């Protein structure tokens, strides 16, 4: 199941774990990324809280946690090569995996059609 937030994060939910990243739209708006800081594995994150930081040639921006949960994995590849986020934001450029406290909370997020309408 693929879900989106109004803050331009995407979530690919598999069981009770969500892979989280920024949308293609967000990556295009930011421009070429030069730095990514990811959360600590094992840390608890809350919906709307800062989860990661990205810096581009244009600006620095926070990536927010879309739902409550525990960080179970981070993508070291984007720390080593931030351009992966630009080249494949909704694939190899994922940020972290979140073990969801309550999978049903994802129902309140946007589906792909609603997100496309938002950024339209």
C-alpha atoms as a PDB file:
ATOM      1  CA  UNK A   1       0.000   0.000   0.000  1.00  0.00           C
ATOM      2  CA  UNK A   2       1.391   3.403  -0.998  1.00  0.00           C
ATOM      3  CA  UNK A   3       0.389   6.496   0.988  1.00  0.00           C
ATOM      4  CA  UNK A   4       1.445  10.154   0.958  1.00  0.00           C
ATOM      5  CA  UNK A   5       1.485  13.118   3.341  1.00  0.00           C
ATOM      6  CA  UNK A   6       0.742  16.771   2.635  1.00  0.00           C
ATOM      7  CA  UNK A   7       4.370  17.407   3.702  1.00  0.00           C
ATOM      8  CA  UNK A   8       5.568  15.412   0.644  1.00  0.00           C
ATOM      9  CA  UNK A   9       6.619  12.146   2.252  1.00  0.00           C
ATOM     10  CA  UNK A  10       5.647   8.779   0.790  1.00  0.00           C
ATOM     11  CA  UNK A  11       5.151   5.537   2.670  1.00  0.00           C
ATOM     12  CA  UNK A  12       5.190   2.038   1.235  1.00  0.00           C
ATOM     13  CA  UNK A  13       3.480  -0.089   3.856  1.00  0.00           C
ATOM     14  CA  UNK A  14       4.225  -3.799   4.085  1.00  0.00           C
ATOM     15  CA  UNK A  15       2.676  -5.448   7.133  1.00  0.00           C
ATOM     16  CA  UNK A  16       3.401  -3.162  10.086  1.00  0.00           C
ATOM     17  CA  UNK A  17       6.561  -1.616   8.576  1.00  0.00           C
ATOM     18  CA  UNK A  18       6.528   1.492   6.394  1.00  0.00           C
ATOM     19  CA  UNK A  19       9.412   2.451   4.132  1.00  0.00           C
ATOM     20  CA  UNK A  20       9.498   6.274   4.113  1.00  0.00           C
ATOM     21  CA  UNK A  21      11.012   8.781   1.709  1.00  0.00           C
ATOM     22  CA  UNK A  22      10.319  12.093   0.037  1.00  0.00           C
ATOM     23  CA  UNK A  23       8.210  12.334  -3.087  1.00  0.00           C
ATOM     24  CA  UNK A  24       9.468  13.052  -6.580  1.00  0.00           C
ATOM     25  CA  UNK A  25       7.772  16.464  -6.303  1.00  0.00           C
ATOM     26  CA  UNK A  26       9.712  17.279  -3.112  1.00  0.00           C
ATOM     27  CA  UNK A  27      13.016  16.128  -4.617  1.00  0.00           C
ATOM     28  CA  UNK A  28      12.422  18.330  -7.674  1.00  0.00           C
ATOM     29  CA  UNK A  29      11.567  21.343  -5.484  1.00  0.00           C
ATOM     30  CA  UNK A  30      14.697  20.895  -3.345  1.00  0.00           C
ATOM     31  CA  UNK A  31      17.105  20.542  -6.251  1.00  0.00           C
ATOM     32  CA  UNK A  32      20.403  18.658  -6.021  1.00  0.00           C
ATOM     33  CA  UNK A  33      20.872  17.217  -2.541  1.00  0.00           C
ATOM     34  CA  UNK A  34      24.320  17.520  -1.011  1.00  0.00           C
ATOM     35  CA  UNK A  35      23.694  16.224   2.538  1.00  0.00           C
ATOM     36  CA  UNK A  36      21.300  13.835   4.282  1.00  0.00           C
ATOM     37  CA  UNK A  37      21.051  13.206   8.019  1.00  0.00           C
ATOM     38  CA  UNK A  38      18.972  10.209   9.086  1.00  0.00           C
ATOM     39  CA  UNK A  39      17.417   9.238  12.424  1.00  0.00           C
ATOM     40  CA  UNK A  40      18.948   6.694  14.804  1.00  0.00           C
ATOM     41  CA  UNK A  41      17.856   3.059  14.459  1.00  0.00           C
ATOM     42  CA  UNK A  42      15.884   2.071  17.548  1.00  0.00           C
ATOM     43  CA  UNK A  43      14.633   5.597  18.123  1.00  0.00           C
ATOM     44  CA  UNK A  44      10.960   6.321  18.589  1.00  0.00           C
ATOM     45  CA  UNK A  45       9.436   8.863  16.231  1.00  0.00           C
ATOM     46  CA  UNK A  46       6.103  10.573  16.443  1.00  0.00           C
ATOM     47  CA  UNK A  47       3.792  11.796  13.705  1.00  0.00           C
ATOM     48  CA  UNK A  48       4.855  15.282  12.631  1.00  0.00           C
ATOM     49  CA  UNK A  49       8.188  15.128  14.445  1.00  0.00           C
ATOM     50  CA  UNK A  50      11.493  15.781  12.704  1.00  0.00           C
ATOM     51  CA  UNK A  51      12.883  12.488  11.431  1.00  0.00           C
ATOM     52  CA  UNK A  52      15.615  13.478   8.991  1.00  0.00           C
ATOM     53  CA  UNK A  53      17.292  16.537   7.491  1.00  0.00           C
ATOM     54  CA  UNK A  54      18.229  17.181   3.877  1.00  0.00           C
ATOM     55  CA  UNK A  55      20.325  19.973   2.442  1.00  0.00           C
ATOM     56  CA  UNK A  56      20.400  20.939  -1.189  1.00  0.00           C
ATOM     57  CA  UNK A  57      22.201  23.613  -3.124  1.00  0.00           C
ATOM     58  CA  UNK A  58      19.028  25.706  -2.562  1.00  0.00           C
ATOM     59  CA  UNK A  59      18.010  25.102   1.057  1.00  0.00           C
ATOM     60  CA  UNK A  60      17.904  22.859   4.120  1.00  0.00           C
ATOM     61  CA  UNK A  61      14.669  21.088   4.943  1.00  0.00           C
ATOM     62  CA  UNK A  62      13.301  18.682   7.517  1.00  0.00           C
ATOM     63  CA  UNK A  63      11.717  15.371   6.664  1.00  0.00           C
ATOM     64  CA  UNK A  64       8.881  14.631   9.067  1.00  0.00           C
ATOM     65  CA  UNK A  65       7.802  11.329  10.515  1.00  0.00           C
ATOM     66  CA  UNK A  66       4.446  10.494   8.901  1.00  0.00           C
ATOM     67  CA  UNK A  67       3.171   8.209  11.700  1.00  0.00           C
ATOM     68  CA  UNK A  68       4.101   7.082  15.210  1.00  0.00           C
ATOM     69  CA  UNK A  69       6.582   4.220  15.357  1.00  0.00           C
ATOM     70  CA  UNK A  70      10.098   2.948  15.887  1.00  0.00           C
ATOM     71  CA  UNK A  71      12.926   3.460  13.391  1.00  0.00           C
ATOM     72  CA  UNK A  72      14.043  -0.070  12.452  1.00  0.00           C
ATOM     73  CA  UNK A  73      16.338   0.648   9.504  1.00  0.00           C
ATOM     74  CA  UNK A  74      17.950   3.606   7.714  1.00  0.00           C
ATOM     75  CA  UNK A  75      19.286   3.899   4.174  1.00  0.00           C
ATOM     76  CA  UNK A  76      23.025   4.546   4.586  1.00  0.00           C
ATOM     77  CA  UNK A  77      23.379   4.684   0.791  1.00  0.00           C
ATOM     78  CA  UNK A  78      21.719   8.140   0.640  1.00  0.00           C
ATOM     79  CA  UNK A  79      24.060   9.475   3.334  1.00  0.00           C
ATOM     80  CA  UNK A  80      27.016   8.301   1.261  1.00  0.00           C
ATOM     81  CA  UNK A  81      25.467   9.530  -2.012  1.00  0.00           C
ATOM     82  CA  UNK A  82      22.618  12.073  -1.518  1.00  0.00           C
ATOM     83  CA  UNK A  83      22.084  12.263  -5.303  1.00  0.00           C
ATOM     84  CA  UNK A  84      20.258   8.893  -5.045  1.00  0.00           C
ATOM     85  CA  UNK A  85      17.331  10.822  -3.584  1.00  0.00           C
ATOM     86  CA  UNK A  86      17.237  13.018  -6.689  1.00  0.00           C
ATOM     87  CA  UNK A  87      17.652  10.196  -9.184  1.00  0.00           C
ATOM     88  CA  UNK A  88      15.223   7.710  -7.566  1.00  0.00           C
ATOM     89  CA  UNK A  89      13.266   9.418  -4.745  1.00  0.00           C
ATOM     90  CA  UNK A  90      10.528   6.808  -4.558  1.00  0.00           C
ATOM     91  CA  UNK A  91      12.857   3.822  -4.953  1.00  0.00           C
ATOM     92  CA  UNK A  92      16.548   3.548  -4.033  1.00  0.00           C
ATOM     93  CA  UNK A  93      16.362   7.007  -2.413  1.00  0.00           C
ATOM     94  CA  UNK A  94      14.202   5.901   0.541  1.00  0.00           C
ATOM     95  CA  UNK A  95      15.111   7.337   3.949  1.00  0.00           C
ATOM     96  CA  UNK A  96      14.085   4.976   6.755  1.00  0.00           C
ATOM     97  CA  UNK A  97      11.833   2.105   7.756  1.00  0.00           C
ATOM     98  CA  UNK A  98       9.320   2.660  10.520  1.00  0.00           C
ATOM     99  CA  UNK A  99       7.660  -0.091  12.552  1.00  0.00           C
ATOM    100  CA  UNK A 100       4.198   1.384  12.948  1.00  0.00           C
ATOM    101  CA  UNK A 101       2.581   1.650  16.375  1.00  0.00           C
ATOM    102  CA  UNK A 102      -0.844   1.486  14.738  1.00  0.00           C
ATOM    103  CA  UNK A 103      -1.093   0.504  11.064  1.00  0.00           C
ATOM    104  CA  UNK A 104      -4.703   1.790  10.926  1.00  0.00           C
ATOM    105  CA  UNK A 105      -3.370   5.364  11.327  1.00  0.00           C
ATOM    106  CA  UNK A 106      -2.168   5.121   7.708  1.00  0.00           C
ATOM    107  CA  UNK A 107      -5.789   5.169   6.563  1.00  0.00           C
ATOM    108  CA  UNK A 108      -5.889   8.906   7.292  1.00  0.00           C
ATOM    109  CA  UNK A 109      -3.026   9.620   4.859  1.00  0.00           C
ATOM    110  CA  UNK A 110      -3.435  10.567   1.201  1.00  0.00           C
ATOM    111  CA  UNK A 111      -3.647   8.027  -1.581  1.00  0.00           C
ATOM    112  CA  UNK A 112      -1.746   8.662  -4.824  1.00  0.00           C
ATOM    113  CA  UNK A 113      -4.690  10.369  -6.569  1.00  0.00           C
ATOM    114  CA  UNK A 114      -5.265  12.752  -3.650  1.00  0.00           C
ATOM    115  CA  UNK A 115      -1.547  13.586  -3.481  1.00  0.00           C
ATOM    116  CA  UNK A 116      -1.380  14.303  -7.214  1.00  0.00           C
ATOM    117  CA  UNK A 117      -4.357  16.628  -6.794  1.00  0.00           C
ATOM    118  CA  UNK A 118      -2.578  18.371  -3.902  1.00  0.00           C
ATOM    119  CA  UNK A 119       0.560  19.122  -5.923  1.00  0.00           C
ATOM    120  CA  UNK A 120      -1.353  19.438  -9.219  1.00  0.00           C
END
